[in-house]
C-alpha atoms as a PDB file:
ATOM      1  CA  MET A   1      -4.306   5.203   3.344  1.00  0.00           C
ATOM      2  CA  ALA A   2      -6.249   3.603   0.482  1.00  0.00           C
ATOM      3  CA  ALA A   3      -7.123   0.543   2.578  1.00  0.00           C
ATOM      4  CA  TRP A   4      -8.295   2.803   5.390  1.00  0.00           C
ATOM      5  CA  ARG A   5     -10.510   4.718   2.978  1.00  0.00           C
ATOM      6  CA  LEU A   6     -12.011   1.409   1.825  1.00  0.00           C
ATOM      7  CA  GLY A   7     -13.019   0.606   5.406  1.00  0.00           C
ATOM      8  CA  ALA A   8     -10.083  -1.556   6.540  1.00  0.00           C
ATOM      9  CA  GLY A   9      -9.156   0.764   9.407  1.00  0.00           C
ATOM     10  CA  ARG A  10     -10.601   3.234  11.874  1.00  0.00           C
ATOM     11  CA  ALA A  11     -10.251   6.976  12.351  1.00  0.00           C
ATOM     12  CA  ARG A  12     -11.818   6.609  15.826  1.00  0.00           C
ATOM     13  CA  LYS A  13     -12.205   3.546  18.031  1.00  0.00           C
ATOM     14  CA  GLU A  14     -15.982   3.697  17.543  1.00  0.00           C
ATOM     15  CA  ASP A  15     -15.711   3.406  13.751  1.00  0.00           C
ATOM     16  CA  PRO A  16     -16.557   0.033  12.194  1.00  0.00           C
ATOM     17  CA  VAL A  17     -13.972  -2.018  10.315  1.00  0.00           C
ATOM     18  CA  SER A  18     -14.945  -3.988   7.231  1.00  0.00           C
ATOM     19  CA  ALA A  19     -13.418  -7.454   6.902  1.00  0.00           C
ATOM     20  CA  ALA A  20     -14.083  -7.209   3.152  1.00  0.00           C
ATOM     21  CA  ALA A  21     -11.952  -4.078   2.702  1.00  0.00           C
ATOM     22  CA  GLY A  22      -8.336  -3.976   1.628  1.00  0.00           C
ATOM     23  CA  VAL A  23      -5.775  -3.589  -1.129  1.00  0.00           C
ATOM     24  CA  LEU A  24      -4.168  -6.569  -2.854  1.00  0.00           C
ATOM     25  CA  CYS A  25      -0.806  -5.986  -4.514  1.00  0.00           C
ATOM     26  CA  LEU A  26      -0.815  -7.973  -7.756  1.00  0.00           C
ATOM     27  CA  ALA A  27       2.681  -6.892  -8.820  1.00  0.00           C
ATOM     28  CA  LYS A  28       5.758  -6.326  -6.658  1.00  0.00           C
ATOM     29  CA  PRO A  29       8.387  -3.609  -7.188  1.00  0.00           C
ATOM     30  CA  GLY A  30      10.610  -4.742 -10.023  1.00  0.00           C
ATOM     31  CA  ASP A  31       8.035  -7.077 -11.608  1.00  0.00           C
ATOM     32  CA  GLN A  32       7.589  -6.723 -15.341  1.00  0.00           C
ATOM     33  CA  VAL A  33       4.074  -5.569 -16.243  1.00  0.00           C
ATOM     34  CA  GLU A  34       2.267  -5.116 -19.532  1.00  0.00           C
ATOM     35  CA  ALA A  35       0.120  -2.152 -20.564  1.00  0.00           C
ATOM     36  CA  GLY A  36      -3.354  -2.562 -19.080  1.00  0.00           C
ATOM     37  CA  GLN A  37      -2.279  -5.210 -16.552  1.00  0.00           C
ATOM     38  CA  PRO A  38      -3.760  -4.640 -13.092  1.00  0.00           C
ATOM     39  CA  VAL A  39      -1.154  -4.019 -10.391  1.00  0.00           C
ATOM     40  CA  LEU A  40      -3.558  -3.450  -7.465  1.00  0.00           C
ATOM     41  CA  GLU A  41      -6.975  -4.785  -6.556  1.00  0.00           C
ATOM     42  CA  LEU A  42      -9.193  -2.650  -4.318  1.00  0.00           C
ATOM     43  CA  ARG A  43     -11.717  -4.520  -2.186  1.00  0.00           C
ATOM     44  CA  THR A  44     -14.691  -3.097  -0.328  1.00  0.00           C
ATOM     45  CA  ASP A  45     -18.314  -3.875   0.345  1.00  0.00           C
ATOM     46  CA  THR A  46     -19.239  -0.191  -0.122  1.00  0.00           C
ATOM     47  CA  GLU A  47     -18.758   0.897  -3.731  1.00  0.00           C
ATOM     48  CA  SER A  48     -18.941   4.620  -2.907  1.00  0.00           C
ATOM     49  CA  LEU A  49     -15.624   4.323  -0.986  1.00  0.00           C
ATOM     50  CA  LEU A  50     -13.660   3.467  -4.142  1.00  0.00           C
ATOM     51  CA  THR A  51     -13.338   7.110  -5.227  1.00  0.00           C
ATOM     52  CA  GLY A  52     -11.478   8.106  -2.053  1.00  0.00           C
ATOM     53  CA  ALA A  53      -9.239   5.045  -2.215  1.00  0.00           C
ATOM     54  CA  ARG A  54      -8.320   5.760  -5.834  1.00  0.00           C
ATOM     55  CA  ALA A  55      -7.519   9.365  -4.902  1.00  0.00           C
ATOM     56  CA  ALA A  56      -5.216   8.134  -2.108  1.00  0.00           C
ATOM     57  CA  LEU A  57      -3.306   6.052  -4.668  1.00  0.00           C
ATOM     58  CA  ALA A  58      -2.788   8.927  -7.131  1.00  0.00           C
ATOM     59  CA  GLY A  59       0.929   9.055  -7.921  1.00  0.00           C
ATOM     60  CA  ALA A  60       1.703   6.038  -5.711  1.00  0.00           C
ATOM     61  CA  ILE A  61       2.864   3.806  -8.557  1.00  0.00           C
ATOM     62  CA  GLU A  62       5.687   4.545 -10.950  1.00  0.00           C
ATOM     63  CA  ILE A  63       6.288   2.367 -13.985  1.00  0.00           C
ATOM     64  CA  GLY A  64       9.623   2.731 -15.724  1.00  0.00           C
ATOM     65  CA  GLY A  65      11.785   0.968 -18.238  1.00  0.00           C
ATOM     66  CA  GLU A  66      14.164  -0.525 -15.665  1.00  0.00           C
ATOM     67  CA  PRO A  67      13.535  -2.207 -12.317  1.00  0.00           C
ATOM     68  CA  PRO A  68      14.217  -0.031  -9.260  1.00  0.00           C
ATOM     69  CA  PRO A  69      17.412  -0.581  -7.283  1.00  0.00           C
ATOM     70  CA  PRO A  70      16.947  -3.028  -4.409  1.00  0.00           C
ATOM     71  CA  ALA A  71      15.894  -1.464  -1.111  1.00  0.00           C
ATOM     72  CA  PRO A  72      18.339  -1.838   1.768  1.00  0.00           C
ATOM     73  CA  LEU A  73      17.627  -4.744   4.116  1.00  0.00           C
ATOM     74  CA  VAL A  74      18.352  -2.546   7.152  1.00  0.00           C
ATOM     75  CA  ILE A  75      17.074   1.021   7.027  1.00  0.00           C
ATOM     76  CA  GLU A  76      18.429   2.219  10.346  1.00  0.00           C
ATOM     77  CA  ARG A  77      20.073   0.736  13.416  1.00  0.00           C
ATOM     78  CA  ILE A  78      18.885   1.874  16.819  1.00  0.00           C
ATOM     79  CA  SER A  79      21.089   1.357  19.843  1.00  0.00           C
ATOM     80  CA  SER A  80      20.749   2.211  23.515  1.00  0.00           C
ATOM     81  CA  GLY A  81      24.022   4.092  23.518  1.00  0.00           C
ATOM     82  CA  THR A  82      25.659   1.518  25.784  1.00  0.00           C
ATOM     83  CA  GLY A  83      27.632  -1.480  24.739  1.00  0.00           C
ATOM     84  CA  PRO A  84      28.948  -2.377  21.278  1.00  0.00           C
ATOM     85  CA  SER A  85      27.120  -1.071  18.239  1.00  0.00           C
END
């Protein structure tokens, strides 16, 4: 959502897309970070779009004392209902 608000995506097919827009993740889940260390970098060629992108990221990052448990490699298995599962 933040990247879209920076101009990296379209709401309608007629909307322009900015090749300069996007979000860089500077730290991965479980990485150790220090106070004040950037964890995301917002990129856009239109400075006024930063406010909306920051709002979209509100509450998106949680920093705790311990790394999070690893995410499962397979979230869900989808089968056709025929054959072995």
